[in-house]
């Protein structure tokens, strides 16, 4: 007897299951992406409004959000940020990006460079191969911060005060929470600054100091009481920190200027009421006479030529051959920079 029953057909539901699962995951991820970008836009405007309420001027055109599915990208055309102190940053466009799966790490770039306003000193254009800032660990008390300029060129606007350097290979600033004895300090921040292969402007102090060569500088320090940094009022970011007794500690660094070399160290530096740095820095210098003599020959009006000439003579006397290491003390006092008994230039100013 022949069985003429049709063959049993297998269900194809199993074939569709992976595609259905993929669609569910894609829909969920898309919902998360839209939620994330909406949160970014909302918090951006809220933060801008808080700054405006504190006396800042924040301007930008309508944000453009893109990057689906794996990135959140926010472009701010015609961005301008001006502090109550008059310091400002403006850019044709600022672009902030983060991975959608890691929204606590952001990279901000200025693809067409920046214009920096130095309050009463005027504006300077900053252009380079890269102008970027990254922030990692937004869920921390003090996020890790990195600012990097690659091959920057600095061009002051007409009528602005001259800028100390004309160009550099790199300018870098990094900060992170300070760790002491394996424990993260509650209110201290490690800071590292690097200026690599910088060229001074013609007849300026950096060009003279570097003997028409390149200046490279690396300084690391601990910034204490970082929570007292307040970007409000006309005095700038460091004013409230200074009034509260803020200080830089554990300062270490290296410097090369043309053929001169030096290492530097200081236990503590503070800022005075006028924003000028005060304190003492110990230098171990190699061939310092060349650099100091070049500074003395500089055409820059802020350099005390008589004082720099005296300092150069003292350095030459300490190192008659011009080839050995010399122990020097750099003193920031009364708003001036002193090398031994000789005032050579204004002390560095924070605000």
C-alpha atoms as a PDB file:
ATOM      1  CA  UNK A   1       0.000   0.000   0.000  1.00  0.00           C
ATOM      2  CA  UNK A   2       1.524   3.352  -1.059  1.00  0.00           C
ATOM      3  CA  UNK A   3       1.538   6.346   1.290  1.00  0.00           C
ATOM      4  CA  UNK A   4       0.583   9.372  -0.879  1.00  0.00           C
ATOM      5  CA  UNK A   5       0.608  11.894   2.017  1.00  0.00           C
ATOM      6  CA  UNK A   6       2.569  15.117   1.208  1.00  0.00           C
ATOM      7  CA  UNK A   7       5.960  15.525   2.911  1.00  0.00           C
ATOM      8  CA  UNK A   8       5.948  17.467   6.164  1.00  0.00           C
ATOM      9  CA  UNK A   9       7.139  21.062   5.736  1.00  0.00           C
ATOM     10  CA  UNK A  10       9.494  22.484   8.349  1.00  0.00           C
ATOM     11  CA  UNK A  11       8.705  25.857   9.914  1.00  0.00           C
ATOM     12  CA  UNK A  12      10.830  28.774   8.729  1.00  0.00           C
ATOM     13  CA  UNK A  13      10.319  30.769  11.869  1.00  0.00           C
ATOM     14  CA  UNK A  14      13.811  29.873  13.014  1.00  0.00           C
ATOM     15  CA  UNK A  15      15.282  31.522   9.923  1.00  0.00           C
ATOM     16  CA  UNK A  16      13.649  34.839  10.748  1.00  0.00           C
ATOM     17  CA  UNK A  17      14.555  34.857  14.434  1.00  0.00           C
ATOM     18  CA  UNK A  18      18.094  36.312  14.044  1.00  0.00           C
ATOM     19  CA  UNK A  19      16.794  39.112  11.817  1.00  0.00           C
ATOM     20  CA  UNK A  20      13.986  39.910  14.226  1.00  0.00           C
ATOM     21  CA  UNK A  21      16.483  40.000  17.099  1.00  0.00           C
ATOM     22  CA  UNK A  22      18.768  42.281  15.078  1.00  0.00           C
ATOM     23  CA  UNK A  23      15.889  44.659  14.376  1.00  0.00           C
ATOM     24  CA  UNK A  24      15.000  44.750  18.066  1.00  0.00           C
ATOM     25  CA  UNK A  25      18.600  45.514  19.029  1.00  0.00           C
ATOM     26  CA  UNK A  26      18.876  48.157  16.302  1.00  0.00           C
ATOM     27  CA  UNK A  27      15.635  49.804  17.400  1.00  0.00           C
ATOM     28  CA  UNK A  28      16.787  49.815  21.032  1.00  0.00           C
ATOM     29  CA  UNK A  29      20.197  51.221  20.108  1.00  0.00           C
ATOM     30  CA  UNK A  30      18.598  53.911  17.944  1.00  0.00           C
ATOM     31  CA  UNK A  31      16.307  54.895  20.803  1.00  0.00           C
ATOM     32  CA  UNK A  32      19.367  55.123  23.091  1.00  0.00           C
ATOM     33  CA  UNK A  33      21.242  57.257  20.512  1.00  0.00           C
ATOM     34  CA  UNK A  34      18.366  59.714  20.197  1.00  0.00           C
ATOM     35  CA  UNK A  35      18.004  59.848  23.973  1.00  0.00           C
ATOM     36  CA  UNK A  36      21.758  60.480  24.401  1.00  0.00           C
ATOM     37  CA  UNK A  37      21.955  63.219  21.781  1.00  0.00           C
ATOM     38  CA  UNK A  38      18.844  64.869  23.166  1.00  0.00           C
ATOM     39  CA  UNK A  39      20.428  64.852  26.635  1.00  0.00           C
ATOM     40  CA  UNK A  40      23.617  66.345  25.205  1.00  0.00           C
ATOM     41  CA  UNK A  41      21.708  69.150  23.521  1.00  0.00           C
ATOM     42  CA  UNK A  42      19.630  69.847  26.635  1.00  0.00           C
ATOM     43  CA  UNK A  43      22.622  69.889  28.983  1.00  0.00           C
ATOM     44  CA  UNK A  44      24.619  72.022  26.570  1.00  0.00           C
ATOM     45  CA  UNK A  45      21.978  74.732  26.585  1.00  0.00           C
ATOM     46  CA  UNK A  46      21.504  74.431  30.362  1.00  0.00           C
ATOM     47  CA  UNK A  47      25.245  74.858  30.972  1.00  0.00           C
ATOM     48  CA  UNK A  48      25.379  77.802  28.558  1.00  0.00           C
ATOM     49  CA  UNK A  49      22.514  79.447  30.409  1.00  0.00           C
ATOM     50  CA  UNK A  50      24.226  78.951  33.784  1.00  0.00           C
ATOM     51  CA  UNK A  51      27.322  80.674  32.419  1.00  0.00           C
ATOM     52  CA  UNK A  52      25.223  83.507  31.005  1.00  0.00           C
ATOM     53  CA  UNK A  53      23.629  83.944  34.417  1.00  0.00           C
ATOM     54  CA  UNK A  54      27.158  84.254  35.848  1.00  0.00           C
ATOM     55  CA  UNK A  55      28.075  87.095  33.510  1.00  0.00           C
ATOM     56  CA  UNK A  56      29.492  85.132  30.588  1.00  0.00           C
ATOM     57  CA  UNK A  57      28.567  85.730  26.967  1.00  0.00           C
ATOM     58  CA  UNK A  58      27.873  82.469  25.134  1.00  0.00           C
ATOM     59  CA  UNK A  59      26.877  82.533  21.473  1.00  0.00           C
ATOM     60  CA  UNK A  60      26.525  79.867  18.803  1.00  0.00           C
ATOM     61  CA  UNK A  61      24.274  79.048  15.890  1.00  0.00           C
ATOM     62  CA  UNK A  62      21.844  76.118  15.941  1.00  0.00           C
ATOM     63  CA  UNK A  63      23.689  72.892  16.850  1.00  0.00           C
ATOM     64  CA  UNK A  64      23.920  70.164  14.211  1.00  0.00           C
ATOM     65  CA  UNK A  65      23.756  66.647  15.665  1.00  0.00           C
ATOM     66  CA  UNK A  66      24.894  63.582  13.722  1.00  0.00           C
ATOM     67  CA  UNK A  67      27.007  60.441  14.064  1.00  0.00           C
ATOM     68  CA  UNK A  68      24.386  57.657  14.215  1.00  0.00           C
ATOM     69  CA  UNK A  69      24.800  54.824  15.026  1.00  0.00           C
ATOM     70  CA  UNK A  70      28.076  54.651  16.947  1.00  0.00           C
ATOM     71  CA  UNK A  71      28.996  58.284  17.616  1.00  0.00           C
ATOM     72  CA  UNK A  72      27.372  61.350  19.061  1.00  0.00           C
ATOM     73  CA  UNK A  73      28.639  64.386  17.149  1.00  0.00           C
ATOM     74  CA  UNK A  74      27.600  67.946  17.970  1.00  0.00           C
ATOM     75  CA  UNK A  75      28.738  70.805  15.729  1.00  0.00           C
ATOM     76  CA  UNK A  76      28.409  74.392  16.984  1.00  0.00           C
ATOM     77  CA  UNK A  77      28.818  76.923  14.158  1.00  0.00           C
ATOM     78  CA  UNK A  78      30.014  80.443  14.952  1.00  0.00           C
ATOM     79  CA  UNK A  79      30.835  79.608  18.569  1.00  0.00           C
ATOM     80  CA  UNK A  80      31.998  82.358  20.917  1.00  0.00           C
ATOM     81  CA  UNK A  81      32.684  82.129  24.675  1.00  0.00           C
ATOM     82  CA  UNK A  82      33.572  85.302  26.595  1.00  0.00           C
ATOM     83  CA  UNK A  83      34.358  85.346  30.329  1.00  0.00           C
ATOM     84  CA  UNK A  84      33.491  88.313  32.589  1.00  0.00           C
ATOM     85  CA  UNK A  85      37.232  89.083  32.694  1.00  0.00           C
ATOM     86  CA  UNK A  86      37.203  89.807  28.955  1.00  0.00           C
ATOM     87  CA  UNK A  87      39.137  86.681  27.984  1.00  0.00           C
ATOM     88  CA  UNK A  88      37.407  84.899  25.121  1.00  0.00           C
ATOM     89  CA  UNK A  89      37.613  82.075  22.610  1.00  0.00           C
ATOM     90  CA  UNK A  90      35.832  82.119  19.261  1.00  0.00           C
ATOM     91  CA  UNK A  91      35.806  79.656  16.387  1.00  0.00           C
ATOM     92  CA  UNK A  92      34.049  79.337  13.023  1.00  0.00           C
ATOM     93  CA  UNK A  93      33.001  75.908  14.287  1.00  0.00           C
ATOM     94  CA  UNK A  94      33.501  73.735  17.355  1.00  0.00           C
ATOM     95  CA  UNK A  95      32.855  70.008  17.012  1.00  0.00           C
ATOM     96  CA  UNK A  96      32.392  67.669  19.996  1.00  0.00           C
ATOM     97  CA  UNK A  97      32.365  63.892  19.516  1.00  0.00           C
ATOM     98  CA  UNK A  98      31.952  60.864  21.780  1.00  0.00           C
ATOM     99  CA  UNK A  99      31.357  57.179  21.265  1.00  0.00           C
ATOM    100  CA  UNK A 100      27.703  56.472  21.922  1.00  0.00           C
ATOM    101  CA  UNK A 101      28.755  53.547  24.131  1.00  0.00           C
ATOM    102  CA  UNK A 102      31.203  55.732  26.156  1.00  0.00           C
ATOM    103  CA  UNK A 103      29.528  59.103  26.710  1.00  0.00           C
ATOM    104  CA  UNK A 104      31.887  60.079  29.565  1.00  0.00           C
ATOM    105  CA  UNK A 105      34.760  60.718  27.115  1.00  0.00           C
ATOM    106  CA  UNK A 106      34.502  63.624  24.667  1.00  0.00           C
ATOM    107  CA  UNK A 107      36.855  65.149  22.125  1.00  0.00           C
ATOM    108  CA  UNK A 108      36.352  68.769  21.065  1.00  0.00           C
ATOM    109  CA  UNK A 109      38.098  70.061  17.942  1.00  0.00           C
ATOM    110  CA  UNK A 110      38.292  73.422  16.211  1.00  0.00           C
ATOM    111  CA  UNK A 111      38.777  72.358  12.576  1.00  0.00           C
ATOM    112  CA  UNK A 112      39.283  75.938  11.360  1.00  0.00           C
ATOM    113  CA  UNK A 113      41.319  77.146  14.337  1.00  0.00           C
ATOM    114  CA  UNK A 114      40.532  79.614  17.102  1.00  0.00           C
ATOM    115  CA  UNK A 115      40.646  83.313  17.859  1.00  0.00           C
ATOM    116  CA  UNK A 116      41.761  83.927  21.446  1.00  0.00           C
ATOM    117  CA  UNK A 117      41.087  87.282  23.109  1.00  0.00           C
ATOM    118  CA  UNK A 118      43.562  88.148  25.879  1.00  0.00           C
ATOM    119  CA  UNK A 119      41.384  90.781  27.563  1.00  0.00           C
ATOM    120  CA  UNK A 120      43.161  94.154  27.254  1.00  0.00           C
ATOM    121  CA  UNK A 121      46.012  92.633  25.218  1.00  0.00           C
ATOM    122  CA  UNK A 122      43.900  91.985  22.141  1.00  0.00           C
ATOM    123  CA  UNK A 123      43.220  89.030  19.875  1.00  0.00           C
ATOM    124  CA  UNK A 124      45.454  86.344  18.409  1.00  0.00           C
ATOM    125  CA  UNK A 125      44.564  83.753  15.767  1.00  0.00           C
ATOM    126  CA  UNK A 126      45.604  80.164  16.465  1.00  0.00           C
ATOM    127  CA  UNK A 127      45.858  77.842  13.469  1.00  0.00           C
ATOM    128  CA  UNK A 128      47.485  74.433  13.217  1.00  0.00           C
ATOM    129  CA  UNK A 129      47.291  70.851  12.016  1.00  0.00           C
ATOM    130  CA  UNK A 130      45.137  70.084  15.049  1.00  0.00           C
ATOM    131  CA  UNK A 131      43.485  72.190  17.741  1.00  0.00           C
ATOM    132  CA  UNK A 132      41.716  69.829  20.132  1.00  0.00           C
ATOM    133  CA  UNK A 133      40.684  69.127  23.699  1.00  0.00           C
ATOM    134  CA  UNK A 134      39.658  65.813  25.212  1.00  0.00           C
ATOM    135  CA  UNK A 135      37.815  65.229  28.473  1.00  0.00           C
ATOM    136  CA  UNK A 136      37.694  61.735  29.980  1.00  0.00           C
ATOM    137  CA  UNK A 137      35.853  60.688  33.130  1.00  0.00           C
ATOM    138  CA  UNK A 138      33.011  63.181  33.303  1.00  0.00           C
ATOM    139  CA  UNK A 139      31.582  61.080  36.116  1.00  0.00           C
ATOM    140  CA  UNK A 140      34.686  61.842  38.255  1.00  0.00           C
ATOM    141  CA  UNK A 141      35.092  64.826  40.571  1.00  0.00           C
ATOM    142  CA  UNK A 142      38.023  65.974  38.429  1.00  0.00           C
ATOM    143  CA  UNK A 143      37.963  64.588  34.866  1.00  0.00           C
ATOM    144  CA  UNK A 144      41.155  63.940  32.945  1.00  0.00           C
ATOM    145  CA  UNK A 145      41.733  66.892  30.605  1.00  0.00           C
ATOM    146  CA  UNK A 146      44.057  67.215  27.616  1.00  0.00           C
ATOM    147  CA  UNK A 147      44.533  70.260  25.372  1.00  0.00           C
ATOM    148  CA  UNK A 148      46.765  69.766  22.326  1.00  0.00           C
ATOM    149  CA  UNK A 149      47.894  72.129  19.585  1.00  0.00           C
ATOM    150  CA  UNK A 150      49.841  70.456  16.754  1.00  0.00           C
ATOM    151  CA  UNK A 151      52.079  72.757  14.690  1.00  0.00           C
ATOM    152  CA  UNK A 152      50.253  75.868  15.875  1.00  0.00           C
ATOM    153  CA  UNK A 153      50.899  79.285  14.365  1.00  0.00           C
ATOM    154  CA  UNK A 154      50.052  82.370  16.462  1.00  0.00           C
ATOM    155  CA  UNK A 155      49.124  85.570  14.612  1.00  0.00           C
ATOM    156  CA  UNK A 156      48.132  88.651  16.636  1.00  0.00           C
ATOM    157  CA  UNK A 157      45.436  90.917  15.203  1.00  0.00           C
ATOM    158  CA  UNK A 158      46.423  94.429  14.150  1.00  0.00           C
ATOM    159  CA  UNK A 159      46.673  96.615  17.234  1.00  0.00           C
ATOM    160  CA  UNK A 160      47.029  93.673  19.644  1.00  0.00           C
ATOM    161  CA  UNK A 161      50.048  93.217  21.889  1.00  0.00           C
ATOM    162  CA  UNK A 162      52.716  90.924  20.425  1.00  0.00           C
ATOM    163  CA  UNK A 163      52.402  87.229  21.277  1.00  0.00           C
ATOM    164  CA  UNK A 164      55.485  85.616  22.919  1.00  0.00           C
ATOM    165  CA  UNK A 165      55.889  82.873  20.298  1.00  0.00           C
ATOM    166  CA  UNK A 166      55.245  82.748  16.569  1.00  0.00           C
ATOM    167  CA  UNK A 167      54.887  78.992  16.159  1.00  0.00           C
ATOM    168  CA  UNK A 168      55.693  75.652  17.805  1.00  0.00           C
ATOM    169  CA  UNK A 169      55.763  71.957  17.027  1.00  0.00           C
ATOM    170  CA  UNK A 170      53.344  71.222  19.878  1.00  0.00           C
ATOM    171  CA  UNK A 171      51.695  72.916  22.833  1.00  0.00           C
ATOM    172  CA  UNK A 172      50.146  70.520  25.367  1.00  0.00           C
ATOM    173  CA  UNK A 173      48.368  70.869  28.697  1.00  0.00           C
ATOM    174  CA  UNK A 174      47.216  67.872  30.730  1.00  0.00           C
ATOM    175  CA  UNK A 175      45.482  67.574  34.087  1.00  0.00           C
ATOM    176  CA  UNK A 176      44.250  64.646  36.165  1.00  0.00           C
ATOM    177  CA  UNK A 177      43.286  63.937  39.797  1.00  0.00           C
ATOM    178  CA  UNK A 178      46.350  63.892  42.051  1.00  0.00           C
ATOM    179  CA  UNK A 179      47.224  60.546  43.621  1.00  0.00           C
ATOM    180  CA  UNK A 180      49.273  60.530  46.833  1.00  0.00           C
ATOM    181  CA  UNK A 181      50.213  57.294  48.568  1.00  0.00           C
ATOM    182  CA  UNK A 182      47.931  55.320  46.277  1.00  0.00           C
ATOM    183  CA  UNK A 183      44.913  57.434  47.254  1.00  0.00           C
ATOM    184  CA  UNK A 184      43.262  60.030  45.038  1.00  0.00           C
ATOM    185  CA  UNK A 185      43.476  63.452  46.683  1.00  0.00           C
ATOM    186  CA  UNK A 186      40.107  65.051  47.283  1.00  0.00           C
ATOM    187  CA  UNK A 187      40.876  68.497  45.893  1.00  0.00           C
ATOM    188  CA  UNK A 188      44.294  68.449  44.218  1.00  0.00           C
ATOM    189  CA  UNK A 189      45.073  68.121  40.518  1.00  0.00           C
ATOM    190  CA  UNK A 190      48.251  67.120  38.665  1.00  0.00           C
ATOM    191  CA  UNK A 191      49.126  69.498  35.828  1.00  0.00           C
ATOM    192  CA  UNK A 192      51.645  68.944  33.030  1.00  0.00           C
ATOM    193  CA  UNK A 193      52.522  71.634  30.477  1.00  0.00           C
ATOM    194  CA  UNK A 194      54.703  71.087  27.401  1.00  0.00           C
ATOM    195  CA  UNK A 195      55.939  73.606  24.864  1.00  0.00           C
ATOM    196  CA  UNK A 196      57.942  71.819  22.171  1.00  0.00           C
ATOM    197  CA  UNK A 197      60.246  73.444  19.585  1.00  0.00           C
ATOM    198  CA  UNK A 198      58.777  76.919  19.914  1.00  0.00           C
ATOM    199  CA  UNK A 199      60.051  79.821  17.826  1.00  0.00           C
ATOM    200  CA  UNK A 200      59.835  83.353  19.166  1.00  0.00           C
ATOM    201  CA  UNK A 201      58.677  86.297  17.121  1.00  0.00           C
ATOM    202  CA  UNK A 202      61.441  88.378  15.501  1.00  0.00           C
ATOM    203  CA  UNK A 203      63.346  90.523  18.036  1.00  0.00           C
ATOM    204  CA  UNK A 204      61.200  89.136  20.860  1.00  0.00           C
ATOM    205  CA  UNK A 205      62.393  87.747  24.197  1.00  0.00           C
ATOM    206  CA  UNK A 206      61.821  84.095  23.284  1.00  0.00           C
ATOM    207  CA  UNK A 207      63.896  84.433  20.111  1.00  0.00           C
ATOM    208  CA  UNK A 208      66.697  86.128  22.064  1.00  0.00           C
ATOM    209  CA  UNK A 209      66.544  83.638  24.933  1.00  0.00           C
ATOM    210  CA  UNK A 210      66.660  80.699  22.482  1.00  0.00           C
ATOM    211  CA  UNK A 211      69.547  82.312  20.566  1.00  0.00           C
ATOM    212  CA  UNK A 212      67.503  82.287  17.358  1.00  0.00           C
ATOM    213  CA  UNK A 213      66.920  78.580  17.946  1.00  0.00           C
ATOM    214  CA  UNK A 214      64.050  76.639  19.503  1.00  0.00           C
ATOM    215  CA  UNK A 215      62.616  76.709  23.011  1.00  0.00           C
ATOM    216  CA  UNK A 216      61.345  73.517  24.614  1.00  0.00           C
ATOM    217  CA  UNK A 217      59.824  73.581  28.088  1.00  0.00           C
ATOM    218  CA  UNK A 218      58.187  70.917  30.261  1.00  0.00           C
ATOM    219  CA  UNK A 219      56.754  71.693  33.701  1.00  0.00           C
ATOM    220  CA  UNK A 220      54.744  69.471  36.018  1.00  0.00           C
ATOM    221  CA  UNK A 221      53.146  70.502  39.295  1.00  0.00           C
ATOM    222  CA  UNK A 222      50.327  69.842  41.747  1.00  0.00           C
ATOM    223  CA  UNK A 223      47.584  72.456  41.837  1.00  0.00           C
ATOM    224  CA  UNK A 224      46.089  72.426  45.325  1.00  0.00           C
ATOM    225  CA  UNK A 225      42.519  73.391  46.290  1.00  0.00           C
ATOM    226  CA  UNK A 226      41.307  73.080  42.719  1.00  0.00           C
ATOM    227  CA  UNK A 227      37.654  73.478  43.726  1.00  0.00           C
ATOM    228  CA  UNK A 228      38.375  77.145  44.458  1.00  0.00           C
ATOM    229  CA  UNK A 229      39.004  77.815  40.768  1.00  0.00           C
ATOM    230  CA  UNK A 230      36.037  79.945  39.786  1.00  0.00           C
ATOM    231  CA  UNK A 231      35.600  81.391  36.311  1.00  0.00           C
ATOM    232  CA  UNK A 232      33.573  84.365  37.489  1.00  0.00           C
ATOM    233  CA  UNK A 233      34.130  88.054  38.040  1.00  0.00           C
ATOM    234  CA  UNK A 234      36.489  90.359  36.200  1.00  0.00           C
ATOM    235  CA  UNK A 235      39.692  88.890  37.645  1.00  0.00           C
ATOM    236  CA  UNK A 236      39.561  85.598  35.787  1.00  0.00           C
ATOM    237  CA  UNK A 237      39.793  81.931  36.646  1.00  0.00           C
ATOM    238  CA  UNK A 238      42.570  82.070  39.270  1.00  0.00           C
ATOM    239  CA  UNK A 239      41.464  85.107  41.307  1.00  0.00           C
ATOM    240  CA  UNK A 240      39.266  83.331  43.882  1.00  0.00           C
ATOM    241  CA  UNK A 241      41.788  80.470  44.091  1.00  0.00           C
ATOM    242  CA  UNK A 242      44.563  82.967  44.823  1.00  0.00           C
ATOM    243  CA  UNK A 243      42.572  84.807  47.493  1.00  0.00           C
ATOM    244  CA  UNK A 244      41.877  81.471  49.194  1.00  0.00           C
ATOM    245  CA  UNK A 245      45.597  80.699  49.396  1.00  0.00           C
ATOM    246  CA  UNK A 246      45.847  78.349  46.432  1.00  0.00           C
ATOM    247  CA  UNK A 247      49.341  77.255  45.496  1.00  0.00           C
ATOM    248  CA  UNK A 248      51.412  75.159  43.106  1.00  0.00           C
ATOM    249  CA  UNK A 249      53.567  72.529  44.807  1.00  0.00           C
ATOM    250  CA  UNK A 250      56.088  69.855  43.767  1.00  0.00           C
ATOM    251  CA  UNK A 251      57.173  71.842  40.713  1.00  0.00           C
ATOM    252  CA  UNK A 252      59.649  70.054  38.462  1.00  0.00           C
ATOM    253  CA  UNK A 253      60.713  70.840  34.937  1.00  0.00           C
ATOM    254  CA  UNK A 254      63.201  70.811  32.102  1.00  0.00           C
ATOM    255  CA  UNK A 255      64.044  73.493  29.575  1.00  0.00           C
ATOM    256  CA  UNK A 256      66.220  73.827  26.495  1.00  0.00           C
ATOM    257  CA  UNK A 257      66.809  77.146  24.742  1.00  0.00           C
ATOM    258  CA  UNK A 258      69.156  76.901  21.789  1.00  0.00           C
ATOM    259  CA  UNK A 259      72.375  75.448  23.205  1.00  0.00           C
ATOM    260  CA  UNK A 260      71.429  76.156  26.828  1.00  0.00           C
ATOM    261  CA  UNK A 261      69.824  73.529  29.047  1.00  0.00           C
ATOM    262  CA  UNK A 262      68.362  73.623  32.546  1.00  0.00           C
ATOM    263  CA  UNK A 263      66.400  71.595  35.060  1.00  0.00           C
ATOM    264  CA  UNK A 264      64.226  73.420  37.559  1.00  0.00           C
ATOM    265  CA  UNK A 265      62.589  72.609  40.878  1.00  0.00           C
ATOM    266  CA  UNK A 266      60.513  74.375  43.506  1.00  0.00           C
ATOM    267  CA  UNK A 267      58.583  73.200  46.518  1.00  0.00           C
ATOM    268  CA  UNK A 268      55.961  75.923  46.271  1.00  0.00           C
ATOM    269  CA  UNK A 269      54.806  78.869  44.157  1.00  0.00           C
ATOM    270  CA  UNK A 270      51.887  81.184  44.916  1.00  0.00           C
ATOM    271  CA  UNK A 271      50.108  84.000  43.153  1.00  0.00           C
ATOM    272  CA  UNK A 272      49.939  87.454  44.687  1.00  0.00           C
ATOM    273  CA  UNK A 273      46.869  89.690  44.723  1.00  0.00           C
ATOM    274  CA  UNK A 274      47.749  91.125  41.306  1.00  0.00           C
ATOM    275  CA  UNK A 275      48.013  87.643  39.791  1.00  0.00           C
ATOM    276  CA  UNK A 276      51.810  87.620  39.570  1.00  0.00           C
ATOM    277  CA  UNK A 277      53.611  84.449  40.656  1.00  0.00           C
ATOM    278  CA  UNK A 278      55.705  84.640  43.846  1.00  0.00           C
ATOM    279  CA  UNK A 279      58.265  82.125  45.050  1.00  0.00           C
ATOM    280  CA  UNK A 280      61.668  80.639  44.360  1.00  0.00           C
ATOM    281  CA  UNK A 281      62.869  78.211  41.682  1.00  0.00           C
ATOM    282  CA  UNK A 282      66.220  76.409  41.779  1.00  0.00           C
ATOM    283  CA  UNK A 283      67.941  75.985  38.405  1.00  0.00           C
ATOM    284  CA  UNK A 284      70.734  73.668  37.400  1.00  0.00           C
ATOM    285  CA  UNK A 285      71.813  75.189  34.108  1.00  0.00           C
ATOM    286  CA  UNK A 286      74.183  74.186  31.335  1.00  0.00           C
ATOM    287  CA  UNK A 287      75.639  77.105  29.317  1.00  0.00           C
ATOM    288  CA  UNK A 288      73.177  79.640  30.783  1.00  0.00           C
ATOM    289  CA  UNK A 289      75.269  82.614  29.662  1.00  0.00           C
ATOM    290  CA  UNK A 290      74.173  82.206  26.030  1.00  0.00           C
ATOM    291  CA  UNK A 291      70.459  82.289  26.885  1.00  0.00           C
ATOM    292  CA  UNK A 292      70.662  85.184  29.348  1.00  0.00           C
ATOM    293  CA  UNK A 293      72.862  87.233  27.030  1.00  0.00           C
ATOM    294  CA  UNK A 294      70.384  86.622  24.204  1.00  0.00           C
ATOM    295  CA  UNK A 295      67.555  87.804  26.445  1.00  0.00           C
ATOM    296  CA  UNK A 296      69.531  90.955  27.262  1.00  0.00           C
ATOM    297  CA  UNK A 297      69.899  91.705  23.552  1.00  0.00           C
ATOM    298  CA  UNK A 298      66.172  91.267  22.974  1.00  0.00           C
ATOM    299  CA  UNK A 299      64.268  94.237  21.639  1.00  0.00           C
ATOM    300  CA  UNK A 300      61.281  93.459  23.882  1.00  0.00           C
ATOM    301  CA  UNK A 301      60.358  96.375  26.124  1.00  0.00           C
ATOM    302  CA  UNK A 302      59.285  94.201  29.061  1.00  0.00           C
ATOM    303  CA  UNK A 303      62.816  92.823  29.446  1.00  0.00           C
ATOM    304  CA  UNK A 304      65.048  94.795  31.806  1.00  0.00           C
ATOM    305  CA  UNK A 305      68.143  94.921  29.620  1.00  0.00           C
ATOM    306  CA  UNK A 306      70.374  96.323  32.349  1.00  0.00           C
ATOM    307  CA  UNK A 307      69.269  93.622  34.781  1.00  0.00           C
ATOM    308  CA  UNK A 308      69.582  90.876  32.163  1.00  0.00           C
ATOM    309  CA  UNK A 309      73.076  92.111  31.251  1.00  0.00           C
ATOM    310  CA  UNK A 310      74.087  91.999  34.916  1.00  0.00           C
ATOM    311  CA  UNK A 311      72.633  88.498  35.271  1.00  0.00           C
ATOM    312  CA  UNK A 312      74.520  87.383  32.168  1.00  0.00           C
ATOM    313  CA  UNK A 313      77.764  88.731  33.612  1.00  0.00           C
ATOM    314  CA  UNK A 314      77.117  86.938  36.905  1.00  0.00           C
ATOM    315  CA  UNK A 315      76.352  83.686  35.092  1.00  0.00           C
ATOM    316  CA  UNK A 316      79.530  84.090  33.055  1.00  0.00           C
ATOM    317  CA  UNK A 317      81.555  84.621  36.208  1.00  0.00           C
ATOM    318  CA  UNK A 318      80.049  81.497  37.769  1.00  0.00           C
ATOM    319  CA  UNK A 319      80.946  79.505  34.673  1.00  0.00           C
ATOM    320  CA  UNK A 320      84.117  81.005  33.254  1.00  0.00           C
ATOM    321  CA  UNK A 321      84.382  78.343  30.549  1.00  0.00           C
ATOM    322  CA  UNK A 322      80.785  78.656  29.406  1.00  0.00           C
ATOM    323  CA  UNK A 323      80.578  74.873  29.262  1.00  0.00           C
ATOM    324  CA  UNK A 324      79.799  73.597  32.777  1.00  0.00           C
ATOM    325  CA  UNK A 325      76.731  73.354  35.001  1.00  0.00           C
ATOM    326  CA  UNK A 326      75.770  76.381  37.069  1.00  0.00           C
ATOM    327  CA  UNK A 327      73.483  76.493  40.096  1.00  0.00           C
ATOM    328  CA  UNK A 328      71.156  79.495  39.863  1.00  0.00           C
ATOM    329  CA  UNK A 329      68.144  80.757  41.785  1.00  0.00           C
ATOM    330  CA  UNK A 330      65.210  82.361  40.004  1.00  0.00           C
ATOM    331  CA  UNK A 331      63.120  84.495  42.344  1.00  0.00           C
ATOM    332  CA  UNK A 332      59.625  85.836  41.650  1.00  0.00           C
ATOM    333  CA  UNK A 333      59.117  88.790  43.989  1.00  0.00           C
ATOM    334  CA  UNK A 334      57.328  92.146  43.930  1.00  0.00           C
ATOM    335  CA  UNK A 335      55.942  91.404  40.490  1.00  0.00           C
ATOM    336  CA  UNK A 336      59.402  90.903  38.975  1.00  0.00           C
ATOM    337  CA  UNK A 337      61.601  87.979  37.993  1.00  0.00           C
ATOM    338  CA  UNK A 338      64.999  88.173  39.682  1.00  0.00           C
ATOM    339  CA  UNK A 339      68.142  86.209  38.865  1.00  0.00           C
ATOM    340  CA  UNK A 340      70.274  86.732  41.925  1.00  0.00           C
ATOM    341  CA  UNK A 341      70.197  90.515  42.634  1.00  0.00           C
ATOM    342  CA  UNK A 342      69.221  91.378  39.051  1.00  0.00           C
ATOM    343  CA  UNK A 343      65.601  92.029  37.950  1.00  0.00           C
ATOM    344  CA  UNK A 344      65.279  90.719  34.397  1.00  0.00           C
ATOM    345  CA  UNK A 345      61.555  90.723  33.513  1.00  0.00           C
ATOM    346  CA  UNK A 346      58.036  90.822  34.961  1.00  0.00           C
ATOM    347  CA  UNK A 347      57.019  87.777  36.979  1.00  0.00           C
ATOM    348  CA  UNK A 348      54.648  85.319  35.223  1.00  0.00           C
ATOM    349  CA  UNK A 349      51.009  86.362  35.601  1.00  0.00           C
ATOM    350  CA  UNK A 350      47.999  84.081  36.068  1.00  0.00           C
ATOM    351  CA  UNK A 351      45.312  86.736  35.614  1.00  0.00           C
END
